[in-house]
């Protein structure tokens, strides 16, 4: 009998990429459109693994429900794992694996797309010309060449982004609690203290994980240190930014523009079509009202190459677990 996988939060593109990759694995994948919850966990009964994404929640309640259904493995098809209670999983004897990297190029290039669109007002020009308005008033940007970019977190994605921005002729400042000085010398960038990065950067891009130390790192105080008119980009995790502080920064024109591929309360909206409904999240609605804010639906990863890598790595993780092989992508909590 083929190993069964309960696949939650399934979209058509998920099914397409996983079915294609599954030709080499032969798993029995059961796709469910709904998110994993304590109630929907019953759908995983008899499954060897549940497969979830960033907007599924595997808190202590859900983990207990999975254990009651006899599920031994949670397979994340993403890099982030802040939506999983790892300690609860450890207590219940459930293994957790993830996809640590699928296409750092995809996310880095999306960050650049947001920078360019906001700087040169591409989104505003697009709507104007569709209405026959070819005026340039209000569309002025600046040369990125010679400006300073601040990159917070210098992992794989950030290193690719730094290479792109150096190619534009930008000065790049970096902050990371574990700086890679060899890379910095090779790339021609400079590590600086966080306060200095805030003060000197014309553009700031966030590429650090969400931890208790980084939660709401962009708040009223850090925004107060930034240059007037700074462009802020977040393709990491929504809770890196205190959204109300961001809104105040935008209102006061301290922040010149913001490109957000993530939002701290995105779970109810992102990846769903809400076009026929009123957005009842007042904070999100306020963000969307600014003409100098671009919100994308956590799509930085969304390229053909990334989806193929996600499917291949996720299914390989599950196969390794079933065959009791070493799990190179396991993440562990305490007891």
Protein backbone atom coordinates (compact mmCIF):
# COMPACT_ATOMS: atom_id res chain seq x y z
CA UNK A 1 0.00 0.00 0.00
CA UNK A 2 1.34 3.43 -0.97
CA UNK A 3 2.28 5.85 1.79
CA UNK A 4 -0.57 8.30 2.33
CA UNK A 5 -0.01 12.04 2.67
CA UNK A 6 -2.72 14.45 3.85
CA UNK A 7 -2.03 17.69 1.99
CA UNK A 8 -3.69 20.78 3.51
CA UNK A 9 -4.21 24.23 2.01
CA UNK A 10 -3.93 22.77 -1.49
CA UNK A 11 -4.08 25.11 -4.47
CA UNK A 12 -4.18 24.11 -8.15
CA UNK A 13 -0.50 24.99 -8.61
CA UNK A 14 0.40 22.82 -5.59
CA UNK A 15 -1.39 19.83 -7.06
CA UNK A 16 0.28 20.35 -10.44
CA UNK A 17 3.82 20.56 -9.05
CA UNK A 18 3.43 17.77 -6.48
CA UNK A 19 1.71 15.38 -8.89
CA UNK A 20 4.54 15.89 -11.34
CA UNK A 21 7.23 15.28 -8.72
CA UNK A 22 5.31 12.36 -7.22
CA UNK A 23 5.85 10.33 -10.38
CA UNK A 24 9.24 9.42 -8.92
CA UNK A 25 7.87 8.60 -5.44
CA UNK A 26 4.48 6.92 -5.86
CA UNK A 27 2.85 8.37 -2.73
CA UNK A 28 -0.91 8.48 -2.21
CA UNK A 29 -1.45 12.24 -1.84
CA UNK A 30 -4.88 13.33 -0.61
CA UNK A 31 -5.38 17.04 -1.34
CA UNK A 32 -7.58 19.19 0.92
CA UNK A 33 -8.39 22.82 0.12
CA UNK A 34 -8.94 23.79 3.75
CA UNK A 35 -6.25 24.64 6.25
CA UNK A 36 -5.11 22.24 8.93
CA UNK A 37 -6.99 22.85 12.20
CA UNK A 38 -7.89 20.82 15.25
CA UNK A 39 -11.18 19.92 13.55
CA UNK A 40 -9.80 19.12 10.10
CA UNK A 41 -7.01 16.95 11.56
CA UNK A 42 -9.46 14.03 11.38
CA UNK A 43 -8.89 14.03 7.62
CA UNK A 44 -5.33 12.90 8.30
CA UNK A 45 -6.39 9.64 9.94
CA UNK A 46 -4.34 6.82 8.46
CA UNK A 47 -1.82 9.19 6.87
CA UNK A 48 1.91 8.79 7.36
CA UNK A 49 2.40 12.55 7.04
CA UNK A 50 0.57 15.85 6.86
CA UNK A 51 1.92 18.44 4.46
CA UNK A 52 1.33 22.08 5.40
CA UNK A 53 2.33 25.59 4.31
CA UNK A 54 2.98 28.95 5.98
CA UNK A 55 -0.67 29.79 6.67
CA UNK A 56 -1.53 26.44 8.23
CA UNK A 57 -1.24 26.30 12.00
CA UNK A 58 0.18 23.40 13.94
CA UNK A 59 -0.13 24.67 17.50
CA UNK A 60 -0.31 22.43 20.57
CA UNK A 61 -4.01 21.69 20.02
CA UNK A 62 -3.49 20.68 16.40
CA UNK A 63 -0.41 18.63 17.24
CA UNK A 64 -2.40 16.68 19.85
CA UNK A 65 -5.17 16.12 17.31
CA UNK A 66 -2.64 14.76 14.81
CA UNK A 67 -1.23 12.40 17.41
CA UNK A 68 -4.77 11.16 18.12
CA UNK A 69 -5.07 10.36 14.41
CA UNK A 70 -1.78 8.48 14.51
CA UNK A 71 0.15 10.89 12.30
CA UNK A 72 3.91 10.66 12.96
CA UNK A 73 5.22 13.39 10.62
CA UNK A 74 4.55 17.07 9.85
CA UNK A 75 6.15 17.97 6.51
CA UNK A 76 6.36 21.71 5.94
CA UNK A 77 6.56 22.69 2.28
CA UNK A 78 8.25 25.97 3.20
CA UNK A 79 11.32 27.24 5.01
CA UNK A 80 9.70 29.05 7.93
CA UNK A 81 8.40 27.04 10.87
CA UNK A 82 7.11 29.65 13.32
CA UNK A 83 3.59 28.28 12.72
CA UNK A 84 4.52 24.94 14.33
CA UNK A 85 4.76 24.32 18.07
CA UNK A 86 7.99 22.33 17.96
CA UNK A 87 7.98 21.66 21.70
CA UNK A 88 4.48 20.20 21.49
CA UNK A 89 5.51 18.07 18.52
CA UNK A 90 8.50 16.76 20.48
CA UNK A 91 6.29 15.90 23.45
CA UNK A 92 3.82 14.06 21.23
CA UNK A 93 6.56 12.20 19.37
CA UNK A 94 5.81 13.84 16.02
CA UNK A 95 8.74 14.55 13.71
CA UNK A 96 8.87 17.89 11.82
CA UNK A 97 10.72 18.48 8.56
CA UNK A 98 10.88 21.50 6.26
CA UNK A 99 12.23 22.82 2.96
CA UNK A 100 15.11 25.08 4.04
CA UNK A 101 15.78 26.48 0.57
CA UNK A 102 13.80 26.24 -2.64
CA UNK A 103 14.86 29.23 -4.73
CA UNK A 104 16.65 32.07 -2.99
CA UNK A 105 16.78 33.74 -6.40
CA UNK A 106 12.98 33.92 -6.51
CA UNK A 107 12.65 35.84 -3.24
CA UNK A 108 15.67 38.07 -3.87
CA UNK A 109 14.39 39.02 -7.32
CA UNK A 110 10.93 39.74 -5.90
CA UNK A 111 12.48 42.10 -3.36
CA UNK A 112 14.22 43.93 -6.21
CA UNK A 113 10.95 44.08 -8.15
CA UNK A 114 9.28 45.77 -5.18
CA UNK A 115 12.17 48.23 -4.84
CA UNK A 116 12.07 49.20 -8.51
CA UNK A 117 8.28 49.41 -8.67
CA UNK A 118 8.04 51.66 -5.63
CA UNK A 119 10.95 53.88 -6.61
CA UNK A 120 9.81 54.42 -10.20
CA UNK A 121 6.07 54.33 -9.35
CA UNK A 122 5.44 51.56 -11.88
CA UNK A 123 2.20 50.51 -10.20
CA UNK A 124 0.79 54.04 -10.40
CA UNK A 125 1.95 54.55 -14.00
CA UNK A 126 0.28 51.28 -15.02
CA UNK A 127 -3.15 52.37 -13.79
CA UNK A 128 -2.76 55.88 -15.19
CA UNK A 129 -1.94 54.87 -18.73
CA UNK A 130 -4.80 52.35 -18.77
CA UNK A 131 -7.08 55.32 -18.14
CA UNK A 132 -5.39 57.38 -20.86
CA UNK A 133 -3.46 59.55 -18.38
CA UNK A 134 0.11 59.94 -19.59
CA UNK A 135 1.12 62.69 -17.16
CA UNK A 136 4.43 62.26 -15.33
CA UNK A 137 3.38 64.35 -12.34
CA UNK A 138 4.03 62.47 -9.09
CA UNK A 139 6.00 59.66 -10.73
CA UNK A 140 9.54 60.90 -10.12
CA UNK A 141 11.97 58.38 -8.63
CA UNK A 142 15.71 58.42 -8.01
CA UNK A 143 18.79 56.71 -9.37
CA UNK A 144 19.50 53.64 -7.28
CA UNK A 145 23.11 53.87 -8.45
CA UNK A 146 25.11 55.51 -5.69
CA UNK A 147 22.41 55.09 -3.04
CA UNK A 148 22.70 52.95 0.10
CA UNK A 149 20.79 49.73 0.76
CA UNK A 150 20.55 48.23 4.24
CA UNK A 151 20.07 44.46 4.38
CA UNK A 152 18.99 42.96 7.71
CA UNK A 153 19.92 39.29 7.81
CA UNK A 154 22.52 38.00 5.36
CA UNK A 155 21.53 34.41 4.59
CA UNK A 156 21.21 32.82 1.15
CA UNK A 157 18.43 35.09 -0.12
CA UNK A 158 20.09 38.25 1.15
CA UNK A 159 23.44 37.34 -0.39
CA UNK A 160 21.84 37.02 -3.82
CA UNK A 161 20.04 40.33 -3.30
CA UNK A 162 23.28 42.00 -2.26
CA UNK A 163 24.92 40.82 -5.50
CA UNK A 164 22.07 42.32 -7.53
CA UNK A 165 22.17 45.64 -5.69
CA UNK A 166 25.94 45.87 -5.99
CA UNK A 167 25.40 45.37 -9.71
CA UNK A 168 23.22 48.49 -9.64
CA UNK A 169 26.16 50.37 -8.15
CA UNK A 170 24.64 50.68 -4.69
CA UNK A 171 26.54 50.81 -1.43
CA UNK A 172 25.31 47.90 0.70
CA UNK A 173 25.28 47.84 4.48
CA UNK A 174 24.46 44.62 6.29
CA UNK A 175 23.45 43.60 9.77
CA UNK A 176 23.55 40.03 11.07
CA UNK A 177 24.28 38.69 14.56
CA UNK A 178 26.54 36.16 12.83
CA UNK A 179 28.30 38.19 10.12
CA UNK A 180 29.98 36.46 7.20
CA UNK A 181 33.03 38.68 6.85
CA UNK A 182 34.54 36.60 4.05
CA UNK A 183 31.39 37.11 1.97
CA UNK A 184 31.36 40.81 2.84
CA UNK A 185 34.89 41.29 1.50
CA UNK A 186 34.10 39.35 -1.67
CA UNK A 187 30.79 41.13 -2.29
CA UNK A 188 32.03 44.61 -1.41
CA UNK A 189 29.50 45.23 1.35
CA UNK A 190 30.00 46.35 4.94
CA UNK A 191 28.55 45.05 8.20
CA UNK A 192 27.47 47.83 10.56
CA UNK A 193 25.49 48.09 13.82
CA UNK A 194 21.73 48.10 13.33
CA UNK A 195 21.27 51.73 14.39
CA UNK A 196 23.83 52.84 11.82
CA UNK A 197 22.12 50.81 9.11
CA UNK A 198 18.81 52.54 9.91
CA UNK A 199 20.40 56.01 9.80
CA UNK A 200 22.32 55.59 6.54
CA UNK A 201 20.10 53.47 4.30
CA UNK A 202 17.94 54.80 1.48
CA UNK A 203 16.34 51.37 1.15
CA UNK A 204 16.01 48.69 3.83
CA UNK A 205 15.16 45.06 3.09
CA UNK A 206 14.34 42.46 5.76
CA UNK A 207 15.69 38.91 5.39
CA UNK A 208 15.90 37.60 8.95
CA UNK A 209 13.87 34.81 10.56
CA UNK A 210 11.01 35.56 12.94
CA UNK A 211 12.16 34.95 16.50
CA UNK A 212 11.37 36.50 19.86
CA UNK A 213 14.37 38.77 19.28
CA UNK A 214 13.25 39.94 15.83
CA UNK A 215 9.48 40.16 16.40
CA UNK A 216 8.42 43.77 15.72
CA UNK A 217 12.03 44.86 15.26
CA UNK A 218 10.68 47.55 12.94
CA UNK A 219 8.73 49.64 15.42
CA UNK A 220 8.29 53.30 16.32
CA UNK A 221 11.82 53.56 17.71
CA UNK A 222 13.61 51.96 14.76
CA UNK A 223 11.53 53.94 12.26
CA UNK A 224 12.49 57.09 14.15
CA UNK A 225 16.15 56.36 13.40
CA UNK A 226 15.62 55.93 9.65
CA UNK A 227 16.28 58.42 6.88
CA UNK A 228 13.42 60.61 5.79
CA UNK A 229 11.75 58.94 2.79
CA UNK A 230 13.33 55.50 3.23
CA UNK A 231 11.87 52.63 1.19
CA UNK A 232 11.14 49.60 3.36
CA UNK A 233 10.87 46.07 1.90
CA UNK A 234 9.70 42.96 3.74
CA UNK A 235 9.78 39.57 2.02
CA UNK A 236 10.50 37.73 5.28
CA UNK A 237 7.79 37.42 7.92
CA UNK A 238 4.96 39.83 8.64
CA UNK A 239 5.62 40.19 12.36
CA UNK A 240 9.08 41.63 11.74
CA UNK A 241 7.18 44.91 11.31
CA UNK A 242 4.77 46.49 13.76
CA UNK A 243 2.13 47.43 11.21
CA UNK A 244 0.58 50.32 13.13
CA UNK A 245 4.03 51.86 13.57
CA UNK A 246 4.58 51.46 9.82
CA UNK A 247 1.30 53.22 9.10
CA UNK A 248 2.29 56.12 11.35
CA UNK A 249 5.66 56.30 9.59
CA UNK A 250 3.90 56.45 6.23
CA UNK A 251 1.47 59.13 7.42
CA UNK A 252 4.34 61.27 8.73
CA UNK A 253 6.27 60.69 5.47
CA UNK A 254 9.21 59.29 7.43
CA UNK A 255 8.78 56.17 5.32
CA UNK A 256 8.64 57.09 1.67
CA UNK A 257 7.25 53.76 0.48
CA UNK A 258 6.79 50.18 1.62
CA UNK A 259 6.81 46.91 -0.31
CA UNK A 260 5.26 44.07 1.69
CA UNK A 261 5.10 40.49 0.50
CA UNK A 262 4.01 39.48 4.01
CA UNK A 263 1.63 40.84 6.62
CA UNK A 264 1.42 39.98 10.30
CA UNK A 265 -2.25 38.90 10.10
CA UNK A 266 -2.13 37.47 6.59
CA UNK A 267 -3.54 34.02 7.37
CA UNK A 268 -7.17 34.88 6.63
CA UNK A 269 -6.45 36.69 3.36
CA UNK A 270 -3.27 35.63 1.59
CA UNK A 271 -3.64 32.91 -1.07
CA UNK A 272 -7.43 33.44 -1.07
CA UNK A 273 -9.70 35.35 -3.47
CA UNK A 274 -11.50 37.96 -1.37
CA UNK A 275 -12.38 40.25 -4.27
CA UNK A 276 -16.14 39.90 -3.70
CA UNK A 277 -15.91 40.64 0.01
CA UNK A 278 -15.18 43.68 2.17
CA UNK A 279 -11.79 43.54 3.87
CA UNK A 280 -12.76 43.73 7.53
CA UNK A 281 -9.17 43.92 8.76
CA UNK A 282 -8.98 47.66 9.30
CA UNK A 283 -5.18 47.68 9.46
CA UNK A 284 -4.77 45.83 6.16
CA UNK A 285 -7.41 48.03 4.53
CA UNK A 286 -5.51 51.10 5.70
CA UNK A 287 -2.25 49.79 4.26
CA UNK A 288 -3.92 49.13 0.92
CA UNK A 289 -5.20 52.72 0.83
CA UNK A 290 -1.69 54.21 0.53
CA UNK A 291 -0.54 54.81 -3.05
CA UNK A 292 3.08 54.37 -1.94
CA UNK A 293 2.52 50.87 -0.56
CA UNK A 294 2.58 47.67 -2.59
CA UNK A 295 1.24 44.53 -0.91
CA UNK A 296 1.77 41.20 -2.66
CA UNK A 297 0.26 37.95 -1.44
CA UNK A 298 3.37 36.21 -0.06
CA UNK A 299 4.37 35.37 -3.62
CA UNK A 300 8.10 35.96 -3.42
CA UNK A 301 8.74 32.22 -3.67
CA UNK A 302 6.30 31.74 -6.55
CA UNK A 303 8.36 30.66 -9.56
CA UNK A 304 8.30 27.42 -11.56
CA UNK A 305 11.74 26.53 -10.31
CA UNK A 306 10.82 27.12 -6.66
CA UNK A 307 7.63 25.05 -6.85
CA UNK A 308 9.51 22.16 -8.43
CA UNK A 309 12.18 22.33 -5.71
CA UNK A 310 9.57 22.53 -2.95
CA UNK A 311 7.77 19.43 -4.21
CA UNK A 312 10.97 17.45 -4.73
CA UNK A 313 12.42 18.30 -1.31
CA UNK A 314 9.14 17.76 0.57
CA UNK A 315 8.56 14.35 -0.95
CA UNK A 316 12.22 13.39 -0.40
CA UNK A 317 11.86 14.37 3.27
CA UNK A 318 8.80 12.14 3.60
CA UNK A 319 10.50 9.24 1.82
CA UNK A 320 13.53 9.51 4.10
CA UNK A 321 11.26 9.42 7.14
CA UNK A 322 9.31 6.39 5.90
CA UNK A 323 12.52 4.56 5.03
CA UNK A 324 14.07 5.54 8.39
CA UNK A 325 16.95 7.36 6.78
CA UNK A 326 18.72 10.38 8.35
CA UNK A 327 16.54 13.50 8.12
CA UNK A 328 18.78 16.32 6.95
CA UNK A 329 15.88 18.80 7.05
CA UNK A 330 14.46 17.92 10.46
CA UNK A 331 13.73 20.70 12.95
CA UNK A 332 13.48 19.87 16.62
CA UNK A 333 11.94 21.35 19.71
CA UNK A 334 12.44 20.60 23.38
CA UNK A 335 10.35 18.31 25.49
